[in-house]
Protein backbone atom coordinates (compact mmCIF):
# COMPACT_ATOMS: atom_id res chain seq x y z
CA MET A 1 132.27 75.56 56.50
CA SER A 2 133.35 72.94 53.98
CA ILE A 3 131.84 73.16 50.51
CA ALA A 4 132.60 69.73 49.13
CA PRO A 5 129.99 68.64 46.62
CA SER A 6 127.57 66.15 48.15
CA SER A 7 125.78 63.30 46.43
CA LEU A 8 122.78 64.53 44.51
CA VAL A 9 119.21 63.34 44.83
CA ALA A 10 117.78 62.73 41.35
CA ARG A 11 115.29 65.50 40.64
CA VAL A 12 113.68 66.93 37.53
CA SER A 13 113.70 70.72 37.32
CA ARG A 14 112.99 72.64 34.14
CA ARG A 15 114.84 75.66 35.54
CA GLU A 16 117.94 73.52 35.98
CA LEU A 17 117.44 71.74 32.65
CA ALA A 18 117.24 75.13 30.91
CA LEU A 19 120.63 76.07 32.38
CA ASN A 20 122.21 72.65 31.85
CA ARG A 21 125.19 73.04 29.55
CA TYR A 22 124.82 69.60 27.94
CA VAL A 23 121.13 70.13 27.15
CA TRP A 24 122.02 73.49 25.62
CA LEU A 25 124.81 71.95 23.52
CA SER A 26 122.34 69.31 22.32
CA THR A 27 119.99 72.08 21.19
CA GLY A 28 122.79 73.79 19.27
CA GLY A 29 123.86 70.43 17.88
CA MET A 30 120.33 69.84 16.58
CA PHE A 31 120.55 72.99 14.44
CA LEU A 32 124.03 71.94 13.30
CA VAL A 33 122.80 68.52 12.15
CA PHE A 34 119.95 70.14 10.22
CA ALA A 35 122.39 72.60 8.62
CA LEU A 36 124.76 69.86 7.47
CA ALA A 37 121.91 67.66 6.23
CA THR A 38 120.45 70.54 4.24
CA ALA A 39 123.85 71.33 2.69
CA VAL A 40 124.30 67.69 1.66
CA ILE A 41 120.79 67.49 0.16
CA ALA A 42 121.49 70.65 -1.86
CA PHE A 43 124.10 68.76 -3.89
CA LEU A 44 122.06 65.62 -4.44
CA PRO A 45 120.39 65.10 -7.84
CA LEU A 46 116.92 66.07 -6.59
CA ASP A 47 114.24 68.42 -7.83
CA VAL A 48 115.17 71.25 -5.45
CA THR A 49 116.60 74.75 -5.77
CA ARG A 50 120.23 74.48 -4.67
CA THR A 51 120.62 78.20 -3.96
CA HIS A 52 117.61 78.23 -1.60
CA LEU A 53 118.90 75.21 0.31
CA LEU A 54 122.43 76.60 0.68
CA ILE A 55 121.08 79.92 2.02
CA PHE A 56 118.87 78.01 4.45
CA ALA A 57 121.81 75.81 5.51
CA GLY A 58 123.88 78.93 6.15
CA ILE A 59 121.16 80.40 8.39
CA LEU A 60 120.90 77.16 10.36
CA LEU A 61 124.69 77.04 10.73
CA ALA A 62 124.76 80.62 12.05
CA VAL A 63 122.06 79.80 14.61
CA SER A 64 123.91 76.64 15.64
CA LEU A 65 127.26 78.37 16.14
CA THR A 66 125.58 81.15 18.13
CA LEU A 67 123.99 78.64 20.48
CA LEU A 68 127.14 76.55 20.87
CA ARG A 69 129.22 79.62 21.79
CA THR A 70 126.82 81.13 24.32
CA GLU A 71 125.61 80.22 27.79
CA PRO A 72 122.10 78.76 28.09
CA PRO A 73 119.51 81.46 28.88
CA ALA A 74 117.35 81.12 31.98
CA ILE A 75 113.61 80.50 31.81
CA GLY A 76 111.77 83.80 31.56
CA THR A 77 114.41 85.59 29.47
CA ILE A 78 113.74 86.96 25.99
CA GLU A 79 116.69 84.92 24.68
CA ASN A 80 114.93 81.74 25.73
CA HIS A 81 111.81 82.67 23.76
CA ILE A 82 113.91 83.55 20.70
CA VAL A 83 115.54 80.11 20.72
CA LEU A 84 112.15 78.41 20.83
CA ALA A 85 110.84 80.61 18.00
CA CYS A 86 113.86 79.68 15.88
CA VAL A 87 112.70 76.04 15.83
CA TYR A 88 109.30 76.60 14.25
CA VAL A 89 110.27 79.65 12.20
CA GLY A 90 113.21 77.62 10.89
CA THR A 91 110.92 74.70 10.08
CA ALA A 92 108.60 76.97 8.10
CA GLY A 93 111.62 78.42 6.31
CA GLY A 94 112.80 74.90 5.52
CA MET A 95 109.43 74.04 3.98
CA VAL A 96 109.89 76.97 1.59
CA ALA A 97 113.56 76.22 0.92
CA PHE A 98 112.83 72.55 0.08
CA HIS A 99 110.00 73.50 -2.33
CA PRO A 100 108.53 71.63 -4.11
CA GLY A 101 109.43 68.89 -1.59
CA GLY A 102 108.65 70.99 1.45
CA SER A 103 107.43 67.99 3.43
CA ALA A 104 111.12 67.01 3.88
CA ALA A 105 111.48 69.76 6.50
CA ILE A 106 108.20 69.33 8.39
CA GLY A 107 109.62 66.60 10.64
CA ALA A 108 111.67 69.20 12.52
CA ALA A 109 108.40 70.58 13.92
CA MET A 110 108.23 67.59 16.27
CA PHE A 111 111.02 69.20 18.30
CA VAL A 112 108.79 72.21 19.06
CA GLY A 113 106.62 70.36 21.58
CA PRO A 114 109.29 68.74 23.79
CA LEU A 115 111.73 71.66 23.59
CA THR A 116 109.07 74.21 24.56
CA ALA A 117 107.87 71.97 27.39
CA VAL A 118 111.43 71.73 28.75
CA ARG A 119 112.38 75.39 28.40
CA LEU A 120 109.17 76.99 29.72
CA ILE A 121 107.12 76.60 32.91
CA ASP A 122 104.10 78.86 32.47
CA ARG A 123 101.37 76.97 30.59
CA ARG A 124 100.15 80.20 29.01
CA GLU A 125 103.57 80.85 27.50
CA ILE A 126 103.80 77.25 26.31
CA THR A 127 100.39 77.51 24.64
CA ALA A 128 101.36 80.83 23.04
CA HIS A 129 104.42 79.20 21.42
CA TYR A 130 102.36 76.24 20.22
CA LEU A 131 99.84 78.63 18.64
CA ALA A 132 102.66 80.63 17.03
CA ALA A 133 104.22 77.41 15.75
CA THR A 134 100.89 76.33 14.28
CA ALA A 135 100.51 79.67 12.50
CA PHE A 136 104.04 79.63 11.06
CA LEU A 137 103.75 76.02 9.91
CA LEU A 138 100.41 76.67 8.19
CA LEU A 139 101.55 79.93 6.59
CA PRO A 140 103.39 78.34 3.61
CA ALA A 141 100.37 76.11 2.99
CA LEU A 142 97.82 78.93 3.20
CA THR A 143 99.85 81.10 0.82
CA GLY A 144 100.15 78.27 -1.73
CA ILE A 145 103.97 78.24 -1.62
CA VAL A 146 104.21 74.49 -0.94
CA ASP A 147 102.69 71.47 -2.63
CA ARG A 148 99.70 69.40 -1.54
CA ALA A 149 101.88 66.71 0.06
CA THR A 150 103.43 69.30 2.33
CA VAL A 151 99.99 70.64 3.29
CA LEU A 152 98.89 67.11 4.23
CA ALA A 153 102.10 66.61 6.21
CA CYS A 154 101.38 69.82 8.15
CA LEU A 155 97.87 68.69 8.99
CA THR A 156 99.33 65.45 10.33
CA VAL A 157 102.35 66.81 12.21
CA ILE A 158 100.74 69.85 13.90
CA PRO A 159 98.24 67.83 15.99
CA ALA A 160 101.03 65.40 16.86
CA MET A 161 103.18 68.36 17.96
CA TRP A 162 100.42 69.51 20.35
CA VAL A 163 99.83 66.03 21.76
CA LEU A 164 103.54 65.28 22.22
CA GLY A 165 104.23 68.68 23.77
CA GLY A 166 101.22 68.46 26.08
CA THR A 167 102.25 64.99 27.21
CA VAL A 168 105.78 66.16 28.00
CA VAL A 169 104.38 69.13 29.97
CA VAL A 170 102.18 66.87 32.10
CA VAL A 171 105.01 64.39 32.73
CA LEU A 172 107.50 67.14 33.65
CA GLU A 173 105.04 68.86 35.97
CA ALA A 174 104.38 65.59 37.80
CA ALA A 175 108.10 64.83 38.03
CA GLU A 176 108.84 68.34 39.32
CA ALA A 177 106.13 68.05 41.96
CA GLN A 178 107.72 64.83 43.18
CA GLY A 179 111.14 66.44 43.04
CA GLU A 180 110.01 69.38 45.13
CA GLU A 181 108.82 66.99 47.83
CA LEU A 182 112.21 65.26 47.78
CA GLU A 183 114.02 68.59 47.93
CA HIS A 184 112.03 69.67 50.96
CA LEU A 185 113.06 66.44 52.65
CA VAL A 186 116.72 66.45 51.63
CA ARG A 187 117.73 70.02 50.83
CA ARG A 188 115.33 72.05 53.00
CA ASP A 189 115.50 73.02 56.65
CA PRO A 190 112.50 71.28 58.29
CA LEU A 191 111.90 74.15 60.73
CA THR A 192 111.89 77.15 58.38
CA GLY A 193 111.44 75.64 54.91
CA VAL A 194 114.44 77.49 53.43
CA GLY A 195 117.53 75.70 52.16
CA ASN A 196 119.86 73.78 54.45
CA ARG A 197 123.64 73.29 54.49
CA ARG A 198 123.43 70.64 51.80
CA LEU A 199 121.63 72.98 49.41
CA LEU A 200 124.14 75.71 50.24
CA SER A 201 127.02 73.36 49.36
CA GLU A 202 125.50 72.27 46.06
CA LYS A 203 124.24 75.64 44.87
CA LEU A 204 127.35 77.60 45.80
CA THR A 205 129.53 75.11 43.93
CA GLU A 206 127.26 75.25 40.86
CA GLU A 207 126.93 79.04 40.86
CA ILE A 208 130.67 79.64 41.26
CA ALA A 209 131.34 77.33 38.30
CA ARG A 210 128.72 79.13 36.18
CA HIS A 211 129.85 82.63 37.17
CA GLY A 212 133.45 81.64 36.46
CA ARG A 213 132.49 80.70 32.89
CA VAL A 214 130.59 83.92 32.20
CA ARG A 215 132.95 86.09 34.29
CA ARG A 216 130.20 87.62 36.38
CA PRO A 217 130.33 88.52 40.10
CA LEU A 218 128.57 86.44 42.73
CA SER A 219 128.06 87.47 46.36
CA VAL A 220 127.04 85.77 49.60
CA ILE A 221 125.59 87.31 52.75
CA ALA A 222 126.15 85.65 56.13
CA LEU A 223 124.03 86.75 59.08
CA ASP A 224 122.91 85.69 62.53
CA LEU A 225 120.52 87.17 65.07
CA ASN A 226 121.76 89.30 67.93
CA GLY A 227 120.95 87.89 71.37
CA PHE A 228 119.21 84.77 70.08
CA LYS A 229 120.72 82.43 72.69
CA ALA A 230 119.67 84.71 75.52
CA LEU A 231 116.19 84.87 74.01
CA ASN A 232 115.95 81.08 73.97
CA ASP A 233 117.18 80.87 77.55
CA THR A 234 114.62 83.45 78.67
CA VAL A 235 111.41 82.28 77.01
CA GLY A 236 112.12 78.81 75.67
CA HIS A 237 112.94 77.17 72.36
CA ALA A 238 109.37 77.10 71.03
CA ALA A 239 109.26 80.90 70.88
CA GLY A 240 112.76 80.88 69.39
CA ASP A 241 111.61 78.48 66.67
CA ASP A 242 108.70 80.79 65.86
CA LEU A 243 111.12 83.68 65.52
CA LEU A 244 113.38 81.70 63.17
CA ARG A 245 110.40 80.94 60.93
CA ASP A 246 109.50 84.62 60.69
CA VAL A 247 113.12 85.54 60.00
CA ALA A 248 113.19 83.01 57.14
CA ARG A 249 109.98 84.50 55.70
CA ALA A 250 111.45 88.00 55.97
CA LEU A 251 114.58 86.91 54.07
CA GLU A 252 112.44 85.35 51.33
CA ARG A 253 110.45 88.58 50.98
CA VAL A 254 113.64 90.57 50.42
CA ALA A 255 115.32 87.98 48.18
CA ARG A 256 114.91 88.07 44.40
CA LYS A 257 113.75 85.05 42.40
CA GLN A 258 117.28 83.95 41.60
CA ASP A 259 118.59 84.34 45.17
CA ILE A 260 118.98 81.32 47.45
CA VAL A 261 118.12 81.61 51.16
CA VAL A 262 119.70 79.05 53.49
CA ARG A 263 119.66 78.36 57.22
CA GLN A 264 123.07 76.99 58.13
CA GLY A 265 122.06 76.07 61.65
CA GLY A 266 120.89 77.70 64.87
CA ASP A 267 120.24 81.36 64.13
CA GLU A 268 122.78 81.47 61.27
CA PHE A 269 121.46 82.21 57.79
CA CYS A 270 123.11 82.72 54.40
CA VAL A 271 121.87 84.24 51.13
CA ILE A 272 123.52 83.45 47.77
CA LEU A 273 123.17 86.38 45.36
CA PRO A 274 123.88 85.39 41.72
CA ASP A 275 125.07 88.10 39.32
CA THR A 276 125.54 90.54 42.20
CA PRO A 277 128.65 92.67 42.88
CA PHE A 278 129.83 93.57 46.39
CA ALA A 279 128.18 97.00 46.54
CA SER A 280 124.78 95.63 45.52
CA ALA A 281 125.13 92.84 48.09
CA GLU A 282 125.75 95.44 50.80
CA SER A 283 122.55 97.21 49.75
CA MET A 284 120.74 93.88 50.00
CA GLY A 285 122.17 93.49 53.50
CA ASN A 286 120.70 96.85 54.49
CA ALA A 287 117.34 95.79 53.06
CA ILE A 288 117.51 92.59 55.14
CA ARG A 289 118.21 94.60 58.29
CA ALA A 290 115.24 96.86 57.57
CA GLU A 291 112.91 93.91 56.98
CA LEU A 292 114.02 92.09 60.14
CA ALA A 293 113.53 95.27 62.16
CA LYS A 294 109.80 94.99 61.42
CA ILE A 295 109.62 91.95 63.69
CA ASP A 296 108.62 93.26 67.11
CA LEU A 297 110.07 91.62 70.25
CA HIS A 298 107.82 93.40 72.73
CA GLY A 299 109.27 96.76 71.84
CA ALA A 300 112.73 95.55 70.78
CA ALA A 301 113.35 95.17 67.04
CA VAL A 302 115.17 92.11 65.72
CA SER A 303 118.72 93.00 64.71
CA THR A 304 121.45 91.07 62.97
CA GLY A 305 125.08 91.19 62.03
CA ILE A 306 125.89 91.11 58.31
CA GLY A 307 128.95 89.76 56.51
CA VAL A 308 129.35 90.10 52.72
CA ALA A 309 131.87 88.41 50.42
CA SER A 310 132.05 88.38 46.61
CA PHE A 311 133.39 86.05 43.93
CA PRO A 312 135.98 86.41 42.47
CA LYS A 313 137.09 89.54 44.35
CA ASP A 314 137.34 87.91 47.79
CA ALA A 315 137.68 84.22 46.91
CA VAL A 316 137.24 81.74 44.05
CA HIS A 317 136.32 78.73 46.21
CA GLY A 318 132.97 78.34 47.95
CA GLY A 319 134.37 77.38 51.35
CA VAL A 320 136.79 80.30 51.36
CA LEU A 321 134.07 82.68 50.21
CA LEU A 322 131.85 81.65 53.14
CA HIS A 323 134.80 81.95 55.53
CA VAL A 324 135.41 85.53 54.41
CA ALA A 325 131.72 86.35 54.85
CA ASP A 326 131.74 84.79 58.35
CA GLU A 327 134.83 86.79 59.34
CA ARG A 328 133.20 90.02 58.19
CA LEU A 329 130.06 89.04 60.08
CA ARG A 330 132.08 88.71 63.28
CA GLU A 331 133.78 92.05 62.64
CA ASN A 332 130.41 93.67 62.04
CA LYS A 333 128.92 92.23 65.24
CA ALA A 334 131.96 93.35 67.26
CA GLN A 335 131.24 96.94 66.23
CA MET A 336 127.57 96.75 67.22
CA PRO A 337 126.13 97.52 70.68
CA PRO A 338 124.77 94.55 72.66
CA ALA A 339 121.38 93.41 71.40
CA ALA A 340 118.36 94.54 73.37
CA ILE A 341 116.75 91.38 74.75
CA PRO A 342 113.23 91.79 76.11
CA LYS A 343 112.83 90.96 79.78
CA VAL A 344 109.98 88.49 79.65
CA ASP A 345 108.78 86.22 82.43
CA PRO A 346 108.18 82.79 80.86
CA SER A 347 105.28 82.21 83.23
CA ASP A 348 103.45 85.15 81.66
CA ILE A 349 103.63 83.85 78.09
CA ALA A 350 102.63 80.18 78.36
CA GLY A 351 101.57 79.06 74.89
CA ILE A 352 101.93 82.57 73.39
CA SER A 353 104.67 83.74 71.04
CA ILE A 354 106.71 86.60 72.55
CA TYR A 355 107.01 88.41 69.24
CA ARG A 356 104.76 89.42 66.45
CA SER A 357 105.44 90.38 62.82
CA ALA A 358 104.75 94.03 62.17
């Protein structure tokens, strides 16, 4: 199968935005700009404590360089929450460092709302960060560290932070809902609801590029059902379609959140396993076999051949990686006994599926 990148359908996805390298570099660049601005202000003839500002600038610079030199963390990771906390903790620290003109730093709090809305999905987690941000921003005011102007600035900016962040959340959720509909039309198999060949092409190309940067293994599993053509010929395509739907559901039950399940066509399926070495992918293949065996074909369990290939051990190009997996699938099927196909008289099953999920 060819893995040439196909044209993309515009779609908003916070999971993809969180992993987007350019968005991540912009986040690191934001801290860098604040660090440089603070360092410059420290040497201006203003009523500020130069030592405090230079220490604060150094902390911002360290955070910036850390972000710029690392890969963006996925939504749901502790690293992602730490990055978000750095924004409002850093803003509170800036209010103290700029004392008595602490209001000079409060503007950075406006980034809390949009950044949290982009890097989180769960509304409870978003609200928790907004509450934490509110507490940290009010802390210097409640302890009397900052002047009255800074207190007034906090009381103005904090509600604006909530409104701006909430607005971005609503807009992103609506855009994602629309995007999911588009993806189901363009990147999803209409019969089973799992990914199609286009999604396989795009995701495998993206994941290989990402795993190449972080030097992590990536595996793919190729599989097809034993005796599926004979089954279709015996009882008809409607029953075969029902079976394919249940097979897709079984694969999704076994797959982890980060895994990508795809139907390539006919009874051929593929699973992309990010951050997974060859041995773990083989274990996943055994789990898939066990799950498919729960589907009962009138006394005959569903069976499948399995082919596993890993990046970069077996190949560094998506098309070659799939070719290796397909070759191993054929080798695996050649070593298996012929599939047991139930002898069913089509006249006895009119309108009734010939199999049932255990």
